[in-house]
Amino acid sequence: MKKSVKLVGLGCANCAAKMEEAIRKLPEVSAVSINFLTTRMTIEAEREKIDGIVAAAQKIVKNYEPDVKIEKA
């Protein structure tokens, strides 16, 4: 299953790349991409694990850019 979210307030392309790399290392994640220009993050994982992965991704995002909010795309 793919889930797309909006990263509101994302202001650093380098941070976005680091976030993407860290989220990719989560064990249940099949694929992840962050588009800095559209501030959209897409995560691919099993349907039953996607909510937990998004929660873990949110913590990773906050580590790099504390002011970024994750909203439904």
Protein backbone atom coordinates (compact mmCIF):
# COMPACT_ATOMS: atom_id res chain seq x y z
CA MET A 1 0.00 0.00 0.00
CA LYS A 2 1.17 3.52 -0.77
CA LYS A 3 0.40 6.45 1.51
CA SER A 4 1.14 10.05 0.60
CA VAL A 5 1.32 12.89 3.09
CA LYS A 6 2.19 16.58 2.89
CA LEU A 7 5.18 17.88 4.87
CA VAL A 8 3.99 21.38 5.76
CA GLY A 9 6.85 23.73 6.56
CA LEU A 10 9.64 21.65 4.99
CA GLY A 11 12.41 24.12 4.25
CA CYS A 12 15.63 22.18 3.79
CA ALA A 13 16.37 19.91 0.83
CA ASN A 14 19.35 18.35 2.61
CA CYS A 15 17.17 17.55 5.63
CA ALA A 16 14.55 16.01 3.33
CA ALA A 17 17.21 13.70 1.88
CA LYS A 18 18.34 12.69 5.37
CA MET A 19 14.73 12.06 6.43
CA GLU A 20 14.16 9.88 3.38
CA GLU A 21 17.30 7.87 4.10
CA ALA A 22 16.35 7.33 7.76
CA ILE A 23 12.75 6.34 6.95
CA ARG A 24 13.97 3.92 4.27
CA LYS A 25 15.89 2.06 7.02
CA LEU A 26 12.69 1.28 8.97
CA PRO A 27 12.24 -2.51 8.68
CA GLU A 28 8.66 -2.53 7.34
CA VAL A 29 9.20 0.14 4.65
CA SER A 30 9.34 -1.16 1.05
CA ALA A 31 9.93 2.30 -0.46
CA VAL A 32 9.87 5.97 0.48
CA SER A 33 10.31 9.18 -1.45
CA ILE A 34 10.24 12.81 -0.40
CA ASN A 35 9.76 15.42 -3.10
CA PHE A 36 11.17 18.66 -1.71
CA LEU A 37 9.52 20.88 -4.33
CA THR A 38 6.00 19.56 -3.70
CA THR A 39 6.71 18.78 -0.02
CA ARG A 40 5.05 15.40 -0.50
CA MET A 41 6.24 12.17 1.11
CA THR A 42 5.11 8.80 -0.22
CA ILE A 43 5.65 5.64 1.83
CA GLU A 44 5.04 2.13 0.57
CA ALA A 45 4.48 -0.72 3.05
CA GLU A 46 2.02 -3.43 4.04
CA ARG A 47 -1.48 -2.08 4.65
CA GLU A 48 -1.72 -3.20 8.29
CA LYS A 49 1.61 -1.58 9.21
CA ILE A 50 1.27 1.74 7.38
CA ASP A 51 -0.15 3.76 10.31
CA GLY A 52 2.70 2.70 12.61
CA ILE A 53 5.24 3.51 9.93
CA VAL A 54 3.76 6.98 9.38
CA ALA A 55 3.97 7.59 13.15
CA ALA A 56 7.62 6.48 13.17
CA ALA A 57 8.30 8.64 10.11
CA GLN A 58 6.80 11.63 11.87
CA LYS A 59 9.29 11.23 14.73
CA ILE A 60 12.15 11.06 12.23
CA VAL A 61 10.90 14.18 10.44
CA LYS A 62 10.66 16.06 13.77
CA ASN A 63 14.29 15.15 14.57
CA TYR A 64 15.47 16.98 11.44
CA GLU A 65 12.92 19.79 11.22
CA PRO A 66 10.91 20.21 14.45
CA ASP A 67 8.42 22.67 12.92
CA VAL A 68 7.29 20.41 10.05
CA LYS A 69 3.74 19.09 10.30
CA ILE A 70 2.53 15.97 8.52
CA GLU A 71 -0.91 16.38 6.94
CA LYS A 72 -3.03 14.22 4.67
CA ALA A 73 -2.16 14.81 1.04
